[in-house]
Amino acid sequence: MIEVFDENKPIYKQIMDLIKKQMISKEILPGEKLPSLRDMSKQLEVNPNTVQRAYVEMDRDMLFY
């Protein structure tokens, strides 16, 4: 699942958008675990810290439980 990122928008926000789309389309089901930071960063070919920022922001938005 390698994504091409828009250079005009922060990558962590694009990752958040990707995960939200997967939640809406039921690719990620309620209660399902997300990939680890390392796994997601390998899939998307980004730094693990970028994925961590996306996960933290989504947690703050209360999208995780």
PDB file of N, CA and C in Angstrom:
ATOM      1  N   MET A   1       0.838  -1.173   0.000  1.00  0.00           N
ATOM      2  CA  MET A   1       0.000   0.000   0.000  1.00  0.00           C
ATOM      3  C   MET A   1       0.887   1.241   0.000  1.00  0.00           C
ATOM      4  N   ILE A   2       1.638   1.421  -1.021  1.00  0.00           N
ATOM      5  CA  ILE A   2       2.484   2.602  -1.125  1.00  0.00           C
ATOM      6  C   ILE A   2       1.648   3.738  -1.698  1.00  0.00           C
ATOM      7  N   GLU A   3       1.649   4.835  -0.977  1.00  0.00           N
ATOM      8  CA  GLU A   3       0.876   6.002  -1.385  1.00  0.00           C
ATOM      9  C   GLU A   3       1.809   7.047  -1.981  1.00  0.00           C
ATOM     10  N   VAL A   4       1.275   7.840  -2.896  1.00  0.00           N
ATOM     11  CA  VAL A   4       1.992   8.996  -3.405  1.00  0.00           C
ATOM     12  C   VAL A   4       1.435  10.188  -2.636  1.00  0.00           C
ATOM     13  N   PHE A   5       2.311  10.866  -1.939  1.00  0.00           N
ATOM     14  CA  PHE A   5       1.877  11.948  -1.075  1.00  0.00           C
ATOM     15  C   PHE A   5       1.935  13.293  -1.785  1.00  0.00           C
ATOM     16  N   ASP A   6       0.982  14.136  -1.438  1.00  0.00           N
ATOM     17  CA  ASP A   6       0.899  15.499  -1.944  1.00  0.00           C
ATOM     18  C   ASP A   6       1.904  16.337  -1.163  1.00  0.00           C
ATOM     19  N   GLU A   7       2.827  16.960  -1.853  1.00  0.00           N
ATOM     20  CA  GLU A   7       3.864  17.742  -1.170  1.00  0.00           C
ATOM     21  C   GLU A   7       3.334  19.032  -0.547  1.00  0.00           C
ATOM     22  N   ASN A   8       2.090  19.378  -0.850  1.00  0.00           N
ATOM     23  CA  ASN A   8       1.512  20.612  -0.316  1.00  0.00           C
ATOM     24  C   ASN A   8       0.759  20.409   0.993  1.00  0.00           C
ATOM     25  N   LYS A   9       0.694  19.182   1.472  1.00  0.00           N
ATOM     26  CA  LYS A   9      -0.029  18.873   2.705  1.00  0.00           C
ATOM     27  C   LYS A   9       0.861  17.985   3.561  1.00  0.00           C
ATOM     28  N   PRO A  10       0.914  18.218   4.876  1.00  0.00           N
ATOM     29  CA  PRO A  10       1.770  17.384   5.732  1.00  0.00           C
ATOM     30  C   PRO A  10       1.435  15.891   5.575  1.00  0.00           C
ATOM     31  N   ILE A  11       2.463  15.074   5.522  1.00  0.00           N
ATOM     32  CA  ILE A  11       2.276  13.636   5.315  1.00  0.00           C
ATOM     33  C   ILE A  11       1.456  13.023   6.434  1.00  0.00           C
ATOM     34  N   TYR A  12       1.668  13.470   7.687  1.00  0.00           N
ATOM     35  CA  TYR A  12       0.918  12.864   8.783  1.00  0.00           C
ATOM     36  C   TYR A  12      -0.581  13.103   8.611  1.00  0.00           C
ATOM     37  N   LYS A  13      -0.967  14.248   8.064  1.00  0.00           N
ATOM     38  CA  LYS A  13      -2.387  14.523   7.822  1.00  0.00           C
ATOM     39  C   LYS A  13      -2.924  13.645   6.695  1.00  0.00           C
ATOM     40  N   GLN A  14      -2.095  13.383   5.709  1.00  0.00           N
ATOM     41  CA  GLN A  14      -2.507  12.499   4.623  1.00  0.00           C
ATOM     42  C   GLN A  14      -2.673  11.071   5.120  1.00  0.00           C
ATOM     43  N   ILE A  15      -1.831  10.658   6.048  1.00  0.00           N
ATOM     44  CA  ILE A  15      -1.965   9.327   6.655  1.00  0.00           C
ATOM     45  C   ILE A  15      -3.267   9.268   7.455  1.00  0.00           C
ATOM     46  N   MET A  16      -3.566  10.321   8.197  1.00  0.00           N
ATOM     47  CA  MET A  16      -4.823  10.384   8.943  1.00  0.00           C
ATOM     48  C   MET A  16      -6.007  10.252   7.983  1.00  0.00           C
ATOM     49  N   ASP A  17      -5.959  10.964   6.875  1.00  0.00           N
ATOM     50  CA  ASP A  17      -7.041  10.902   5.890  1.00  0.00           C
ATOM     51  C   ASP A  17      -7.181   9.489   5.321  1.00  0.00           C
ATOM     52  N   LEU A  18      -6.064   8.842   5.059  1.00  0.00           N
ATOM     53  CA  LEU A  18      -6.073   7.480   4.530  1.00  0.00           C
ATOM     54  C   LEU A  18      -6.741   6.533   5.525  1.00  0.00           C
ATOM     55  N   ILE A  19      -6.369   6.626   6.779  1.00  0.00           N
ATOM     56  CA  ILE A  19      -6.943   5.754   7.807  1.00  0.00           C
ATOM     57  C   ILE A  19      -8.435   6.035   7.976  1.00  0.00           C
ATOM     58  N   LYS A  20      -8.811   7.307   7.967  1.00  0.00           N
ATOM     59  CA  LYS A  20     -10.233   7.661   8.089  1.00  0.00           C
ATOM     60  C   LYS A  20     -11.033   7.075   6.926  1.00  0.00           C
ATOM     61  N   LYS A  21     -10.490   7.155   5.718  1.00  0.00           N
ATOM     62  CA  LYS A  21     -11.171   6.581   4.553  1.00  0.00           C
ATOM     63  C   LYS A  21     -11.341   5.078   4.717  1.00  0.00           C
ATOM     64  N   GLN A  22     -10.305   4.425   5.248  1.00  0.00           N
ATOM     65  CA  GLN A  22     -10.380   2.977   5.466  1.00  0.00           C
ATOM     66  C   GLN A  22     -11.407   2.635   6.536  1.00  0.00           C
ATOM     67  N   MET A  23     -11.567   3.494   7.532  1.00  0.00           N
ATOM     68  CA  MET A  23     -12.580   3.273   8.567  1.00  0.00           C
ATOM     69  C   MET A  23     -13.979   3.432   7.972  1.00  0.00           C
ATOM     70  N   ILE A  24     -14.170   4.463   7.174  1.00  0.00           N
ATOM     71  CA  ILE A  24     -15.478   4.729   6.564  1.00  0.00           C
ATOM     72  C   ILE A  24     -15.865   3.613   5.601  1.00  0.00           C
ATOM     73  N   SER A  25     -14.900   3.123   4.834  1.00  0.00           N
ATOM     74  CA  SER A  25     -15.179   2.079   3.845  1.00  0.00           C
ATOM     75  C   SER A  25     -15.182   0.677   4.449  1.00  0.00           C
ATOM     76  N   LYS A  26     -15.001   0.597   5.775  1.00  0.00           N
ATOM     77  CA  LYS A  26     -15.008  -0.670   6.510  1.00  0.00           C
ATOM     78  C   LYS A  26     -13.811  -1.561   6.200  1.00  0.00           C
ATOM     79  N   GLU A  27     -12.751  -0.978   5.602  1.00  0.00           N
ATOM     80  CA  GLU A  27     -11.514  -1.736   5.434  1.00  0.00           C
ATOM     81  C   GLU A  27     -10.869  -1.960   6.799  1.00  0.00           C
ATOM     82  N   ILE A  28     -11.085  -1.003   7.693  1.00  0.00           N
ATOM     83  CA  ILE A  28     -10.673  -1.126   9.089  1.00  0.00           C
ATOM     84  C   ILE A  28     -11.974  -1.147   9.889  1.00  0.00           C
ATOM     85  N   LEU A  29     -12.190  -2.228  10.607  1.00  0.00           N
ATOM     86  CA  LEU A  29     -13.429  -2.398  11.356  1.00  0.00           C
ATOM     87  C   LEU A  29     -13.288  -1.881  12.778  1.00  0.00           C
ATOM     88  N   PRO A  30     -14.401  -1.516  13.409  1.00  0.00           N
ATOM     89  CA  PRO A  30     -14.343  -1.065  14.797  1.00  0.00           C
ATOM     90  C   PRO A  30     -13.666  -2.110  15.686  1.00  0.00           C
ATOM     91  N   GLY A  31     -12.741  -1.648  16.500  1.00  0.00           N
ATOM     92  CA  GLY A  31     -12.021  -2.534  17.412  1.00  0.00           C
ATOM     93  C   GLY A  31     -10.820  -3.232  16.797  1.00  0.00           C
ATOM     94  N   GLU A  32     -10.658  -3.121  15.495  1.00  0.00           N
ATOM     95  CA  GLU A  32      -9.536  -3.757  14.815  1.00  0.00           C
ATOM     96  C   GLU A  32      -8.251  -2.982  15.098  1.00  0.00           C
ATOM     97  N   LYS A  33      -7.174  -3.721  15.306  1.00  0.00           N
ATOM     98  CA  LYS A  33      -5.893  -3.068  15.571  1.00  0.00           C
ATOM     99  C   LYS A  33      -5.325  -2.487  14.284  1.00  0.00           C
ATOM    100  N   LEU A  34      -4.739  -1.321  14.424  1.00  0.00           N
ATOM    101  CA  LEU A  34      -4.022  -0.723  13.302  1.00  0.00           C
ATOM    102  C   LEU A  34      -2.642  -1.360  13.221  1.00  0.00           C
ATOM    103  N   PRO A  35      -2.003  -1.290  12.061  1.00  0.00           N
ATOM    104  CA  PRO A  35      -0.637  -1.803  11.963  1.00  0.00           C
ATOM    105  C   PRO A  35       0.279  -1.053  12.941  1.00  0.00           C
ATOM    106  N   SER A  36       1.333  -1.719  13.374  1.00  0.00           N
ATOM    107  CA  SER A  36       2.309  -1.061  14.249  1.00  0.00           C
ATOM    108  C   SER A  36       2.929   0.113  13.512  1.00  0.00           C
ATOM    109  N   LEU A  37       3.553   0.986  14.286  1.00  0.00           N
ATOM    110  CA  LEU A  37       4.216   2.143  13.673  1.00  0.00           C
ATOM    111  C   LEU A  37       5.219   1.691  12.620  1.00  0.00           C
ATOM    112  N   ARG A  38       6.013   0.692  12.960  1.00  0.00           N
ATOM    113  CA  ARG A  38       7.034   0.211  12.025  1.00  0.00           C
ATOM    114  C   ARG A  38       6.418  -0.399  10.775  1.00  0.00           C
ATOM    115  N   ASP A  39       5.382  -1.229  10.974  1.00  0.00           N
ATOM    116  CA  ASP A  39       4.742  -1.855   9.813  1.00  0.00           C
ATOM    117  C   ASP A  39       4.113  -0.817   8.890  1.00  0.00           C
ATOM    118  N   MET A  40       3.399   0.130   9.492  1.00  0.00           N
ATOM    119  CA  MET A  40       2.746   1.171   8.682  1.00  0.00           C
ATOM    120  C   MET A  40       3.804   2.027   7.976  1.00  0.00           C
ATOM    121  N   SER A  41       4.879   2.361   8.682  1.00  0.00           N
ATOM    122  CA  SER A  41       5.907   3.193   8.053  1.00  0.00           C
ATOM    123  C   SER A  41       6.576   2.460   6.891  1.00  0.00           C
ATOM    124  N   LYS A  42       6.734   1.139   7.019  1.00  0.00           N
ATOM    125  CA  LYS A  42       7.301   0.357   5.912  1.00  0.00           C
ATOM    126  C   LYS A  42       6.333   0.313   4.732  1.00  0.00           C
ATOM    127  N   GLN A  43       5.047   0.101   5.031  1.00  0.00           N
ATOM    128  CA  GLN A  43       4.041   0.046   3.965  1.00  0.00           C
ATOM    129  C   GLN A  43       3.983   1.357   3.188  1.00  0.00           C
ATOM    130  N   LEU A  44       4.039   2.468   3.924  1.00  0.00           N
ATOM    131  CA  LEU A  44       3.889   3.780   3.291  1.00  0.00           C
ATOM    132  C   LEU A  44       5.220   4.416   2.894  1.00  0.00           C
ATOM    133  N   GLU A  45       6.309   3.763   3.306  1.00  0.00           N
ATOM    134  CA  GLU A  45       7.661   4.266   3.032  1.00  0.00           C
ATOM    135  C   GLU A  45       7.860   5.675   3.586  1.00  0.00           C
ATOM    136  N   VAL A  46       7.505   5.823   4.870  1.00  0.00           N
ATOM    137  CA  VAL A  46       7.709   7.084   5.583  1.00  0.00           C
ATOM    138  C   VAL A  46       8.404   6.790   6.903  1.00  0.00           C
ATOM    139  N   ASN A  47       8.861   7.833   7.550  1.00  0.00           N
ATOM    140  CA  ASN A  47       9.508   7.715   8.845  1.00  0.00           C
ATOM    141  C   ASN A  47       8.494   7.270   9.894  1.00  0.00           C
ATOM    142  N   PRO A  48       8.882   6.351  10.801  1.00  0.00           N
ATOM    143  CA  PRO A  48       7.953   5.925  11.861  1.00  0.00           C
ATOM    144  C   PRO A  48       7.431   7.093  12.707  1.00  0.00           C
ATOM    145  N   ASN A  49       8.221   8.135  12.869  1.00  0.00           N
ATOM    146  CA  ASN A  49       7.769   9.293  13.644  1.00  0.00           C
ATOM    147  C   ASN A  49       6.590   9.994  12.973  1.00  0.00           C
ATOM    148  N   THR A  50       6.540   9.945  11.662  1.00  0.00           N
ATOM    149  CA  THR A  50       5.423  10.541  10.923  1.00  0.00           C
ATOM    150  C   THR A  50       4.142   9.759  11.194  1.00  0.00           C
ATOM    151  N   VAL A  51       4.249   8.437  11.187  1.00  0.00           N
ATOM    152  CA  VAL A  51       3.093   7.593  11.487  1.00  0.00           C
ATOM    153  C   VAL A  51       2.666   7.809  12.938  1.00  0.00           C
ATOM    154  N   GLN A  52       3.632   7.903  13.826  1.00  0.00           N
ATOM    155  CA  GLN A  52       3.316   8.130  15.235  1.00  0.00           C
ATOM    156  C   GLN A  52       2.537   9.431  15.404  1.00  0.00           C
ATOM    157  N   ARG A  53       2.945  10.463  14.712  1.00  0.00           N
ATOM    158  CA  ARG A  53       2.238  11.747  14.818  1.00  0.00           C
ATOM    159  C   ARG A  53       0.801  11.595  14.337  1.00  0.00           C
ATOM    160  N   ALA A  54       0.597  10.871  13.248  1.00  0.00           N
ATOM    161  CA  ALA A  54      -0.766  10.646  12.744  1.00  0.00           C
ATOM    162  C   ALA A  54      -1.588   9.879  13.774  1.00  0.00           C
ATOM    163  N   TYR A  55      -1.026   8.834  14.367  1.00  0.00           N
ATOM    164  CA  TYR A  55      -1.740   8.037  15.369  1.00  0.00           C
ATOM    165  C   TYR A  55      -2.065   8.888  16.597  1.00  0.00           C
ATOM    166  N   VAL A  56      -1.120   9.708  17.039  1.00  0.00           N
ATOM    167  CA  VAL A  56      -1.344  10.548  18.221  1.00  0.00           C
ATOM    168  C   VAL A  56      -2.453  11.559  17.943  1.00  0.00           C
ATOM    169  N   GLU A  57      -2.422  12.184  16.784  1.00  0.00           N
ATOM    170  CA  GLU A  57      -3.449  13.163  16.433  1.00  0.00           C
ATOM    171  C   GLU A  57      -4.828  12.504  16.349  1.00  0.00           C
ATOM    172  N   MET A  58      -4.876  11.318  15.791  1.00  0.00           N
ATOM    173  CA  MET A  58      -6.159  10.622  15.696  1.00  0.00           C
ATOM    174  C   MET A  58      -6.658  10.210  17.079  1.00  0.00           C
ATOM    175  N   ASP A  59      -5.741   9.855  17.960  1.00  0.00           N
ATOM    176  CA  ASP A  59      -6.113   9.524  19.332  1.00  0.00           C
ATOM    177  C   ASP A  59      -6.667  10.764  20.035  1.00  0.00           C
ATOM    178  N   ARG A  60      -6.040  11.893  19.822  1.00  0.00           N
ATOM    179  CA  ARG A  60      -6.538  13.157  20.406  1.00  0.00           C
ATOM    180  C   ARG A  60      -7.932  13.497  19.886  1.00  0.00           C
ATOM    181  N   ASP A  61      -8.171  13.166  18.623  1.00  0.00           N
ATOM    182  CA  ASP A  61      -9.494  13.416  18.036  1.00  0.00           C
ATOM    183  C   ASP A  61     -10.510  12.350  18.461  1.00  0.00           C
ATOM    184  N   MET A  62     -10.053  11.434  19.304  1.00  0.00           N
ATOM    185  CA  MET A  62     -10.883  10.368  19.862  1.00  0.00           C
ATOM    186  C   MET A  62     -11.412   9.422  18.775  1.00  0.00           C
ATOM    187  N   LEU A  63     -10.590   9.160  17.773  1.00  0.00           N
ATOM    188  CA  LEU A  63     -10.974   8.213  16.721  1.00  0.00           C
ATOM    189  C   LEU A  63     -10.561   6.797  17.078  1.00  0.00           C
ATOM    190  N   PHE A  64      -9.768   6.650  18.125  1.00  0.00           N
ATOM    191  CA  PHE A  64      -9.336   5.331  18.591  1.00  0.00           C
ATOM    192  C   PHE A  64      -9.949   5.086  19.946  1.00  0.00           C
ATOM    193  N   TYR A  65     -10.139   3.839  20.268  1.00  0.00           N
ATOM    194  CA  TYR A  65     -10.577   3.465  21.598  1.00  0.00           C
ATOM    195  C   TYR A  65      -9.935   2.200  22.028  1.00  0.00           C
TER     196      TYR A  65
END
